Amino acid sequence: MTARAHAAPASAPERAAMPASRAHSAFAPAALLRPALKTLAYLGAALAAAGLSFDFGLRAGGTVVAVVAAVNGAVFTTILLDAVSDAWRRRRAAG
């Protein structure tokens, strides 16, 4: 790999010829916002599932069952959300 591969492009045509992934800075607002939004989506889904599961567990068998159900609901929801996110990313990359 040459030193030029790591240097900033010198001219506008070189920037236009670059792939989109290298054309943007790592400190671009979208690059910083995307992981934060993903984390908020995971956290929101986990909290919603934990709340609903806790309520179900409380009605079904008491406090201990409610806590176990809440943890189970939060973990299962994040697993499902991760699978959906991966499938969406693969489909978007293919098309």
PDB file of N, CA and C in Angstrom:
ATOM      1  N   MET A   1       0.847  -1.165   0.000  1.00  0.00           N
ATOM      2  CA  MET A   1       0.000   0.000   0.000  1.00  0.00           C
ATOM      3  C   MET A   1       0.898   1.236   0.000  1.00  0.00           C
ATOM      4  N   THR A   2       0.555   2.196  -0.762  1.00  0.00           N
ATOM      5  CA  THR A   2       1.388   3.388  -0.876  1.00  0.00           C
ATOM      6  C   THR A   2       0.993   4.420   0.153  1.00  0.00           C
ATOM      7  N   ALA A   3       1.851   5.399   0.308  1.00  0.00           N
ATOM      8  CA  ALA A   3       1.549   6.491   1.232  1.00  0.00           C
ATOM      9  C   ALA A   3       0.380   7.312   0.718  1.00  0.00           C
ATOM     10  N   ARG A   4       0.197   7.332  -0.597  1.00  0.00           N
ATOM     11  CA  ARG A   4      -0.900   8.104  -1.192  1.00  0.00           C
ATOM     12  C   ARG A   4      -2.261   7.540  -0.779  1.00  0.00           C
ATOM     13  N   ALA A   5      -2.333   6.252  -0.510  1.00  0.00           N
ATOM     14  CA  ALA A   5      -3.607   5.640  -0.134  1.00  0.00           C
ATOM     15  C   ALA A   5      -4.103   6.164   1.209  1.00  0.00           C
ATOM     16  N   HIS A   6      -3.184   6.604   2.064  1.00  0.00           N
ATOM     17  CA  HIS A   6      -3.578   7.105   3.371  1.00  0.00           C
ATOM     18  C   HIS A   6      -3.668   8.624   3.424  1.00  0.00           C
ATOM     19  N   ALA A   7      -3.199   9.283   2.405  1.00  0.00           N
ATOM     20  CA  ALA A   7      -3.218  10.751   2.385  1.00  0.00           C
ATOM     21  C   ALA A   7      -4.569  11.244   1.895  1.00  0.00           C
ATOM     22  N   ALA A   8      -4.861  12.481   2.219  1.00  0.00           N
ATOM     23  CA  ALA A   8      -6.106  13.093   1.755  1.00  0.00           C
ATOM     24  C   ALA A   8      -6.011  13.330   0.251  1.00  0.00           C
ATOM     25  N   PRO A   9      -7.119  13.220  -0.484  1.00  0.00           N
ATOM     26  CA  PRO A   9      -7.087  13.466  -1.916  1.00  0.00           C
ATOM     27  C   PRO A   9      -6.698  14.913  -2.206  1.00  0.00           C
ATOM     28  N   ALA A  10      -5.954  15.105  -3.278  1.00  0.00           N
ATOM     29  CA  ALA A  10      -5.439  16.433  -3.597  1.00  0.00           C
ATOM     30  C   ALA A  10      -6.428  17.254  -4.402  1.00  0.00           C
ATOM     31  N   SER A  11      -7.283  16.620  -5.161  1.00  0.00           N
ATOM     32  CA  SER A  11      -8.145  17.393  -6.050  1.00  0.00           C
ATOM     33  C   SER A  11      -9.581  16.889  -5.981  1.00  0.00           C
ATOM     34  N   ALA A  12     -10.472  17.712  -6.507  1.00  0.00           N
ATOM     35  CA  ALA A  12     -11.891  17.354  -6.522  1.00  0.00           C
ATOM     36  C   ALA A  12     -12.174  16.114  -7.362  1.00  0.00           C
ATOM     37  N   PRO A  13     -11.538  15.919  -8.532  1.00  0.00           N
ATOM     38  CA  PRO A  13     -11.806  14.680  -9.282  1.00  0.00           C
ATOM     39  C   PRO A  13     -11.407  13.425  -8.516  1.00  0.00           C
ATOM     40  N   GLU A  14     -10.328  13.517  -7.742  1.00  0.00           N
ATOM     41  CA  GLU A  14      -9.953  12.358  -6.928  1.00  0.00           C
ATOM     42  C   GLU A  14     -10.997  12.083  -5.866  1.00  0.00           C
ATOM     43  N   ARG A  15     -11.544  13.128  -5.268  1.00  0.00           N
ATOM     44  CA  ARG A  15     -12.598  12.944  -4.266  1.00  0.00           C
ATOM     45  C   ARG A  15     -13.845  12.361  -4.901  1.00  0.00           C
ATOM     46  N   ALA A  16     -14.171  12.785  -6.106  1.00  0.00           N
ATOM     47  CA  ALA A  16     -15.359  12.275  -6.790  1.00  0.00           C
ATOM     48  C   ALA A  16     -15.191  10.807  -7.166  1.00  0.00           C
ATOM     49  N   ALA A  17     -13.953  10.380  -7.427  1.00  0.00           N
ATOM     50  CA  ALA A  17     -13.710   9.001  -7.823  1.00  0.00           C
ATOM     51  C   ALA A  17     -13.625   8.054  -6.636  1.00  0.00           C
ATOM     52  N   MET A  18     -13.568   8.596  -5.423  1.00  0.00           N
ATOM     53  CA  MET A  18     -13.450   7.757  -4.228  1.00  0.00           C
ATOM     54  C   MET A  18     -14.767   7.052  -3.932  1.00  0.00           C
ATOM     55  N   PRO A  19     -14.702   5.875  -3.319  1.00  0.00           N
ATOM     56  CA  PRO A  19     -15.932   5.239  -2.848  1.00  0.00           C
ATOM     57  C   PRO A  19     -16.580   6.106  -1.770  1.00  0.00           C
ATOM     58  N   ALA A  20     -17.864   5.969  -1.629  1.00  0.00           N
ATOM     59  CA  ALA A  20     -18.603   6.796  -0.668  1.00  0.00           C
ATOM     60  C   ALA A  20     -18.130   6.569   0.752  1.00  0.00           C
ATOM     61  N   SER A  21     -17.676   5.364   1.067  1.00  0.00           N
ATOM     62  CA  SER A  21     -17.253   5.080   2.435  1.00  0.00           C
ATOM     63  C   SER A  21     -15.990   5.848   2.812  1.00  0.00           C
ATOM     64  N   ARG A  22     -15.107   6.129   1.862  1.00  0.00           N
ATOM     65  CA  ARG A  22     -13.885   6.860   2.168  1.00  0.00           C
ATOM     66  C   ARG A  22     -14.056   8.355   1.968  1.00  0.00           C
ATOM     67  N   ALA A  23     -15.102   8.787   1.300  1.00  0.00           N
ATOM     68  CA  ALA A  23     -15.282  10.200   1.011  1.00  0.00           C
ATOM     69  C   ALA A  23     -15.711  10.980   2.245  1.00  0.00           C
ATOM     70  N   HIS A  24     -16.318  10.320   3.214  1.00  0.00           N
ATOM     71  CA  HIS A  24     -16.807  10.998   4.403  1.00  0.00           C
ATOM     72  C   HIS A  24     -15.825  10.845   5.560  1.00  0.00           C
ATOM     73  N   SER A  25     -15.760  11.863   6.348  1.00  0.00           N
ATOM     74  CA  SER A  25     -14.880  11.846   7.508  1.00  0.00           C
ATOM     75  C   SER A  25     -15.477  10.979   8.608  1.00  0.00           C
ATOM     76  N   ALA A  26     -14.622  10.464   9.467  1.00  0.00           N
ATOM     77  CA  ALA A  26     -15.096   9.681  10.606  1.00  0.00           C
ATOM     78  C   ALA A  26     -15.798  10.561  11.620  1.00  0.00           C
ATOM     79  N   PHE A  27     -15.597  11.864  11.521  1.00  0.00           N
ATOM     80  CA  PHE A  27     -16.206  12.791  12.465  1.00  0.00           C
ATOM     81  C   PHE A  27     -17.405  13.515  11.869  1.00  0.00           C
ATOM     82  N   ALA A  28     -17.951  12.988  10.794  1.00  0.00           N
ATOM     83  CA  ALA A  28     -19.148  13.569  10.196  1.00  0.00           C
ATOM     84  C   ALA A  28     -20.329  13.365  11.146  1.00  0.00           C
ATOM     85  N   PRO A  29     -21.275  14.274  11.147  1.00  0.00           N
ATOM     86  CA  PRO A  29     -22.418  14.139  12.062  1.00  0.00           C
ATOM     87  C   PRO A  29     -23.174  12.820  11.888  1.00  0.00           C
ATOM     88  N   ALA A  30     -23.331  12.363  10.659  1.00  0.00           N
ATOM     89  CA  ALA A  30     -24.058  11.105  10.439  1.00  0.00           C
ATOM     90  C   ALA A  30     -23.290   9.925  11.018  1.00  0.00           C
ATOM     91  N   ALA A  31     -21.960   9.964  10.929  1.00  0.00           N
ATOM     92  CA  ALA A  31     -21.155   8.874  11.467  1.00  0.00           C
ATOM     93  C   ALA A  31     -21.224   8.836  12.985  1.00  0.00           C
ATOM     94  N   LEU A  32     -21.406   9.968  13.615  1.00  0.00           N
ATOM     95  CA  LEU A  32     -21.529  10.010  15.065  1.00  0.00           C
ATOM     96  C   LEU A  32     -22.957   9.753  15.528  1.00  0.00           C
ATOM     97  N   LEU A  33     -23.921  10.135  14.721  1.00  0.00           N
ATOM     98  CA  LEU A  33     -25.318  10.014  15.112  1.00  0.00           C
ATOM     99  C   LEU A  33     -25.853   8.595  14.933  1.00  0.00           C
ATOM    100  N   ARG A  34     -25.381   7.896  13.919  1.00  0.00           N
ATOM    101  CA  ARG A  34     -25.908   6.557  13.619  1.00  0.00           C
ATOM    102  C   ARG A  34     -25.749   5.576  14.783  1.00  0.00           C
ATOM    103  N   PRO A  35     -24.571   5.453  15.405  1.00  0.00           N
ATOM    104  CA  PRO A  35     -24.459   4.526  16.551  1.00  0.00           C
ATOM    105  C   PRO A  35     -25.305   4.960  17.741  1.00  0.00           C
ATOM    106  N   ALA A  36     -25.442   6.265  17.934  1.00  0.00           N
ATOM    107  CA  ALA A  36     -26.263   6.753  19.046  1.00  0.00           C
ATOM    108  C   ALA A  36     -27.734   6.403  18.825  1.00  0.00           C
ATOM    109  N   LEU A  37     -28.206   6.557  17.613  1.00  0.00           N
ATOM    110  CA  LEU A  37     -29.604   6.215  17.317  1.00  0.00           C
ATOM    111  C   LEU A  37     -29.838   4.712  17.437  1.00  0.00           C
ATOM    112  N   LYS A  38     -28.852   3.923  17.011  1.00  0.00           N
ATOM    113  CA  LYS A  38     -28.987   2.465  17.143  1.00  0.00           C
ATOM    114  C   LYS A  38     -29.043   2.070  18.614  1.00  0.00           C
ATOM    115  N   THR A  39     -28.209   2.689  19.428  1.00  0.00           N
ATOM    116  CA  THR A  39     -28.214   2.401  20.859  1.00  0.00           C
ATOM    117  C   THR A  39     -29.533   2.804  21.494  1.00  0.00           C
ATOM    118  N   LEU A  40     -30.063   3.954  21.104  1.00  0.00           N
ATOM    119  CA  LEU A  40     -31.355   4.395  21.639  1.00  0.00           C
ATOM    120  C   LEU A  40     -32.484   3.463  21.223  1.00  0.00           C
ATOM    121  N   ALA A  41     -32.431   2.963  19.991  1.00  0.00           N
ATOM    122  CA  ALA A  41     -33.462   2.026  19.536  1.00  0.00           C
ATOM    123  C   ALA A  41     -33.403   0.721  20.330  1.00  0.00           C
ATOM    124  N   TYR A  42     -32.198   0.199  20.538  1.00  0.00           N
ATOM    125  CA  TYR A  42     -32.037  -1.020  21.329  1.00  0.00           C
ATOM    126  C   TYR A  42     -32.508  -0.797  22.761  1.00  0.00           C
ATOM    127  N   LEU A  43     -32.107   0.316  23.349  1.00  0.00           N
ATOM    128  CA  LEU A  43     -32.475   0.602  24.734  1.00  0.00           C
ATOM    129  C   LEU A  43     -33.980   0.781  24.885  1.00  0.00           C
ATOM    130  N   GLY A  44     -34.593   1.496  23.960  1.00  0.00           N
ATOM    131  CA  GLY A  44     -36.041   1.696  24.014  1.00  0.00           C
ATOM    132  C   GLY A  44     -36.808   0.392  23.867  1.00  0.00           C
ATOM    133  N   ALA A  45     -36.381  -0.442  22.923  1.00  0.00           N
ATOM    134  CA  ALA A  45     -37.051  -1.728  22.730  1.00  0.00           C
ATOM    135  C   ALA A  45     -36.865  -2.632  23.944  1.00  0.00           C
ATOM    136  N   ALA A  46     -35.662  -2.625  24.511  1.00  0.00           N
ATOM    137  CA  ALA A  46     -35.401  -3.462  25.688  1.00  0.00           C
ATOM    138  C   ALA A  46     -36.222  -2.997  26.883  1.00  0.00           C
ATOM    139  N   LEU A  47     -36.321  -1.689  27.080  1.00  0.00           N
ATOM    140  CA  LEU A  47     -37.109  -1.174  28.200  1.00  0.00           C
ATOM    141  C   LEU A  47     -38.601  -1.455  28.030  1.00  0.00           C
ATOM    142  N   ALA A  48     -39.100  -1.311  26.812  1.00  0.00           N
ATOM    143  CA  ALA A  48     -40.517  -1.602  26.565  1.00  0.00           C
ATOM    144  C   ALA A  48     -40.811  -3.083  26.807  1.00  0.00           C
ATOM    145  N   ALA A  49     -39.953  -3.949  26.287  1.00  0.00           N
ATOM    146  CA  ALA A  49     -40.159  -5.388  26.484  1.00  0.00           C
ATOM    147  C   ALA A  49     -40.015  -5.769  27.950  1.00  0.00           C
ATOM    148  N   ALA A  50     -39.059  -5.148  28.648  1.00  0.00           N
ATOM    149  CA  ALA A  50     -38.881  -5.454  30.065  1.00  0.00           C
ATOM    150  C   ALA A  50     -40.113  -5.038  30.865  1.00  0.00           C
ATOM    151  N   GLY A  51     -40.667  -3.889  30.551  1.00  0.00           N
ATOM    152  CA  GLY A  51     -41.864  -3.427  31.257  1.00  0.00           C
ATOM    153  C   GLY A  51     -43.060  -4.333  31.033  1.00  0.00           C
ATOM    154  N   LEU A  52     -43.274  -4.702  29.780  1.00  0.00           N
ATOM    155  CA  LEU A  52     -44.403  -5.587  29.482  1.00  0.00           C
ATOM    156  C   LEU A  52     -44.198  -6.976  30.078  1.00  0.00           C
ATOM    157  N   SER A  53     -42.970  -7.476  30.001  1.00  0.00           N
ATOM    158  CA  SER A  53     -42.687  -8.797  30.562  1.00  0.00           C
ATOM    159  C   SER A  53     -42.784  -8.799  32.081  1.00  0.00           C
ATOM    160  N   PHE A  54     -42.361  -7.710  32.711  1.00  0.00           N
ATOM    161  CA  PHE A  54     -42.462  -7.607  34.161  1.00  0.00           C
ATOM    162  C   PHE A  54     -43.926  -7.655  34.598  1.00  0.00           C
ATOM    163  N   ASP A  55     -44.762  -6.931  33.882  1.00  0.00           N
ATOM    164  CA  ASP A  55     -46.188  -6.932  34.209  1.00  0.00           C
ATOM    165  C   ASP A  55     -46.784  -8.325  34.054  1.00  0.00           C
ATOM    166  N   PHE A  56     -46.424  -8.997  32.968  1.00  0.00           N
ATOM    167  CA  PHE A  56     -46.914 -10.352  32.760  1.00  0.00           C
ATOM    168  C   PHE A  56     -46.418 -11.292  33.861  1.00  0.00           C
ATOM    169  N   GLY A  57     -45.125 -11.213  34.189  1.00  0.00           N
ATOM    170  CA  GLY A  57     -44.557 -12.082  35.221  1.00  0.00           C
ATOM    171  C   GLY A  57     -45.142 -11.816  36.588  1.00  0.00           C
ATOM    172  N   LEU A  58     -45.456 -10.558  36.877  1.00  0.00           N
ATOM    173  CA  LEU A  58     -46.054 -10.201  38.162  1.00  0.00           C
ATOM    174  C   LEU A  58     -47.446 -10.818  38.290  1.00  0.00           C
ATOM    175  N   ARG A  59     -48.207 -10.791  37.217  1.00  0.00           N
ATOM    176  CA  ARG A  59     -49.547 -11.383  37.250  1.00  0.00           C
ATOM    177  C   ARG A  59     -49.487 -12.905  37.269  1.00  0.00           C
ATOM    178  N   ALA A  60     -48.453 -13.452  36.622  1.00  0.00           N
ATOM    179  CA  ALA A  60     -48.367 -14.905  36.503  1.00  0.00           C
ATOM    180  C   ALA A  60     -47.817 -15.585  37.745  1.00  0.00           C
ATOM    181  N   GLY A  61     -46.841 -14.953  38.444  1.00  0.00           N
ATOM    182  CA  GLY A  61     -46.246 -15.710  39.539  1.00  0.00           C
ATOM    183  C   GLY A  61     -45.545 -14.924  40.615  1.00  0.00           C
ATOM    184  N   GLY A  62     -45.654 -13.634  40.647  1.00  0.00           N
ATOM    185  CA  GLY A  62     -45.028 -12.873  41.717  1.00  0.00           C
ATOM    186  C   GLY A  62     -43.796 -12.102  41.264  1.00  0.00           C
ATOM    187  N   THR A  63     -43.118 -11.537  42.264  1.00  0.00           N
ATOM    188  CA  THR A  63     -42.019 -10.630  41.987  1.00  0.00           C
ATOM    189  C   THR A  63     -40.818 -11.324  41.352  1.00  0.00           C
ATOM    190  N   VAL A  64     -40.453 -12.483  41.838  1.00  0.00           N
ATOM    191  CA  VAL A  64     -39.279 -13.189  41.301  1.00  0.00           C
ATOM    192  C   VAL A  64     -39.517 -13.574  39.845  1.00  0.00           C
ATOM    193  N   VAL A  65     -40.681 -14.090  39.553  1.00  0.00           N
ATOM    194  CA  VAL A  65     -41.021 -14.455  38.186  1.00  0.00           C
ATOM    195  C   VAL A  65     -41.059 -13.203  37.309  1.00  0.00           C
ATOM    196  N   ALA A  66     -41.527 -12.091  37.854  1.00  0.00           N
ATOM    197  CA  ALA A  66     -41.597 -10.848  37.097  1.00  0.00           C
ATOM    198  C   ALA A  66     -40.203 -10.342  36.725  1.00  0.00           C
ATOM    199  N   VAL A  67     -39.273 -10.422  37.648  1.00  0.00           N
ATOM    200  CA  VAL A  67     -37.909  -9.969  37.362  1.00  0.00           C
ATOM    201  C   VAL A  67     -37.259 -10.866  36.314  1.00  0.00           C
ATOM    202  N   VAL A  68     -37.421 -12.164  36.446  1.00  0.00           N
ATOM    203  CA  VAL A  68     -36.859 -13.089  35.465  1.00  0.00           C
ATOM    204  C   VAL A  68     -37.498 -12.861  34.096  1.00  0.00           C
ATOM    205  N   ALA A  69     -38.795 -12.665  34.061  1.00  0.00           N
ATOM    206  CA  ALA A  69     -39.484 -12.412  32.791  1.00  0.00           C
ATOM    207  C   ALA A  69     -39.039 -11.096  32.175  1.00  0.00           C
ATOM    208  N   ALA A  70     -38.799 -10.075  32.985  1.00  0.00           N
ATOM    209  CA  ALA A  70     -38.352  -8.781  32.473  1.00  0.00           C
ATOM    210  C   ALA A  70     -36.973  -8.891  31.831  1.00  0.00           C
ATOM    211  N   VAL A  71     -36.066  -9.587  32.508  1.00  0.00           N
ATOM    212  CA  VAL A  71     -34.722  -9.776  31.941  1.00  0.00           C
ATOM    213  C   VAL A  71     -34.808 -10.595  30.661  1.00  0.00           C
ATOM    214  N   ASN A  72     -35.601 -11.650  30.683  1.00  0.00           N
ATOM    215  CA  ASN A  72     -35.779 -12.488  29.509  1.00  0.00           C
ATOM    216  C   ASN A  72     -36.374 -11.688  28.345  1.00  0.00           C
ATOM    217  N   GLY A  73     -37.357 -10.879  28.606  1.00  0.00           N
ATOM    218  CA  GLY A  73     -37.973 -10.070  27.554  1.00  0.00           C
ATOM    219  C   GLY A  73     -37.008  -9.064  26.957  1.00  0.00           C
ATOM    220  N   ALA A  74     -36.197  -8.429  27.806  1.00  0.00           N
ATOM    221  CA  ALA A  74     -35.230  -7.445  27.316  1.00  0.00           C
ATOM    222  C   ALA A  74     -34.152  -8.104  26.459  1.00  0.00           C
ATOM    223  N   VAL A  75     -33.634  -9.231  26.914  1.00  0.00           N
ATOM    224  CA  VAL A  75     -32.584  -9.922  26.157  1.00  0.00           C
ATOM    225  C   VAL A  75     -33.129 -10.454  24.839  1.00  0.00           C
ATOM    226  N   PHE A  76     -34.278 -11.067  24.872  1.00  0.00           N
ATOM    227  CA  PHE A  76     -34.868 -11.623  23.658  1.00  0.00           C
ATOM    228  C   PHE A  76     -35.170 -10.524  22.643  1.00  0.00           C
ATOM    229  N   THR A  77     -35.649  -9.387  23.110  1.00  0.00           N
ATOM    230  CA  THR A  77     -35.951  -8.277  22.209  1.00  0.00           C
ATOM    231  C   THR A  77     -34.695  -7.734  21.546  1.00  0.00           C
ATOM    232  N   THR A  78     -33.605  -7.612  22.299  1.00  0.00           N
ATOM    233  CA  THR A  78     -32.371  -7.125  21.687  1.00  0.00           C
ATOM    234  C   THR A  78     -31.813  -8.129  20.689  1.00  0.00           C
ATOM    235  N   ILE A  79     -31.988  -9.420  20.955  1.00  0.00           N
ATOM    236  CA  ILE A  79     -31.549 -10.437  19.993  1.00  0.00           C
ATOM    237  C   ILE A  79     -32.356 -10.321  18.705  1.00  0.00           C
ATOM    238  N   LEU A  80     -33.669 -10.171  18.827  1.00  0.00           N
ATOM    239  CA  LEU A  80     -34.510 -10.020  17.643  1.00  0.00           C
ATOM    240  C   LEU A  80     -34.188  -8.739  16.880  1.00  0.00           C
ATOM    241  N   LEU A  81     -33.982  -7.654  17.592  1.00  0.00           N
ATOM    242  CA  LEU A  81     -33.662  -6.382  16.949  1.00  0.00           C
ATOM    243  C   LEU A  81     -32.320  -6.453  16.237  1.00  0.00           C
ATOM    244  N   ASP A  82     -31.356  -7.148  16.815  1.00  0.00           N
ATOM    245  CA  ASP A  82     -30.058  -7.322  16.175  1.00  0.00           C
ATOM    246  C   ASP A  82     -30.186  -8.146  14.900  1.00  0.00           C
ATOM    247  N   ALA A  83     -31.007  -9.190  14.927  1.00  0.00           N
ATOM    248  CA  ALA A  83     -31.214 -10.014  13.733  1.00  0.00           C
ATOM    249  C   ALA A  83     -31.888  -9.210  12.626  1.00  0.00           C
ATOM    250  N   VAL A  84     -32.874  -8.419  12.978  1.00  0.00           N
ATOM    251  CA  VAL A  84     -33.554  -7.582  11.986  1.00  0.00           C
ATOM    252  C   VAL A  84     -32.593  -6.541  11.420  1.00  0.00           C
ATOM    253  N   SER A  85     -31.785  -5.954  12.280  1.00  0.00           N
ATOM    254  CA  SER A  85     -30.811  -4.964  11.845  1.00  0.00           C
ATOM    255  C   SER A  85     -29.787  -5.565  10.886  1.00  0.00           C
ATOM    256  N   ASP A  86     -29.295  -6.754  11.189  1.00  0.00           N
ATOM    257  CA  ASP A  86     -28.335  -7.425  10.303  1.00  0.00           C
ATOM    258  C   ASP A  86     -28.964  -7.772   8.957  1.00  0.00           C
ATOM    259  N   ALA A  87     -30.192  -8.266   8.977  1.00  0.00           N
ATOM    260  CA  ALA A  87     -30.868  -8.612   7.730  1.00  0.00           C
ATOM    261  C   ALA A  87     -31.107  -7.372   6.880  1.00  0.00           C
ATOM    262  N   TRP A  88     -31.488  -6.275   7.511  1.00  0.00           N
ATOM    263  CA  TRP A  88     -31.716  -5.032   6.789  1.00  0.00           C
ATOM    264  C   TRP A  88     -30.416  -4.506   6.191  1.00  0.00           C
ATOM    265  N   ARG A  89     -29.319  -4.600   6.965  1.00  0.00           N
ATOM    266  CA  ARG A  89     -28.025  -4.134   6.471  1.00  0.00           C
ATOM    267  C   ARG A  89     -27.550  -4.980   5.296  1.00  0.00           C
ATOM    268  N   ARG A  90     -27.740  -6.305   5.366  1.00  0.00           N
ATOM    269  CA  ARG A  90     -27.340  -7.170   4.262  1.00  0.00           C
ATOM    270  C   ARG A  90     -28.167  -6.888   3.008  1.00  0.00           C
ATOM    271  N   ARG A  91     -29.456  -6.691   3.181  1.00  0.00           N
ATOM    272  CA  ARG A  91     -30.326  -6.407   2.034  1.00  0.00           C
ATOM    273  C   ARG A  91     -29.970  -5.070   1.410  1.00  0.00           C
ATOM    274  N   ARG A  92     -29.647  -4.090   2.246  1.00  0.00           N
ATOM    275  CA  ARG A  92     -29.297  -2.764   1.744  1.00  0.00           C
ATOM    276  C   ARG A  92     -27.951  -2.802   1.012  1.00  0.00           C
ATOM    277  N   ALA A  93     -27.006  -3.597   1.510  1.00  0.00           N
ATOM    278  CA  ALA A  93     -25.696  -3.715   0.864  1.00  0.00           C
ATOM    279  C   ALA A  93     -25.796  -4.463  -0.472  1.00  0.00           C
ATOM    280  N   ALA A  94     -26.694  -5.414  -0.567  1.00  0.00           N
ATOM    281  CA  ALA A  94     -26.840  -6.194  -1.795  1.00  0.00           C
ATOM    282  C   ALA A  94     -27.514  -5.390  -2.897  1.00  0.00           C
ATOM    283  N   GLY A  95     -28.372  -4.483  -2.523  1.00  0.00           N
ATOM    284  CA  GLY A  95     -29.149  -3.771  -3.536  1.00  0.00           C
ATOM    285  C   GLY A  95     -28.697  -2.443  -3.852  1.00  0.00           C
TER     286      GLY A  95
END
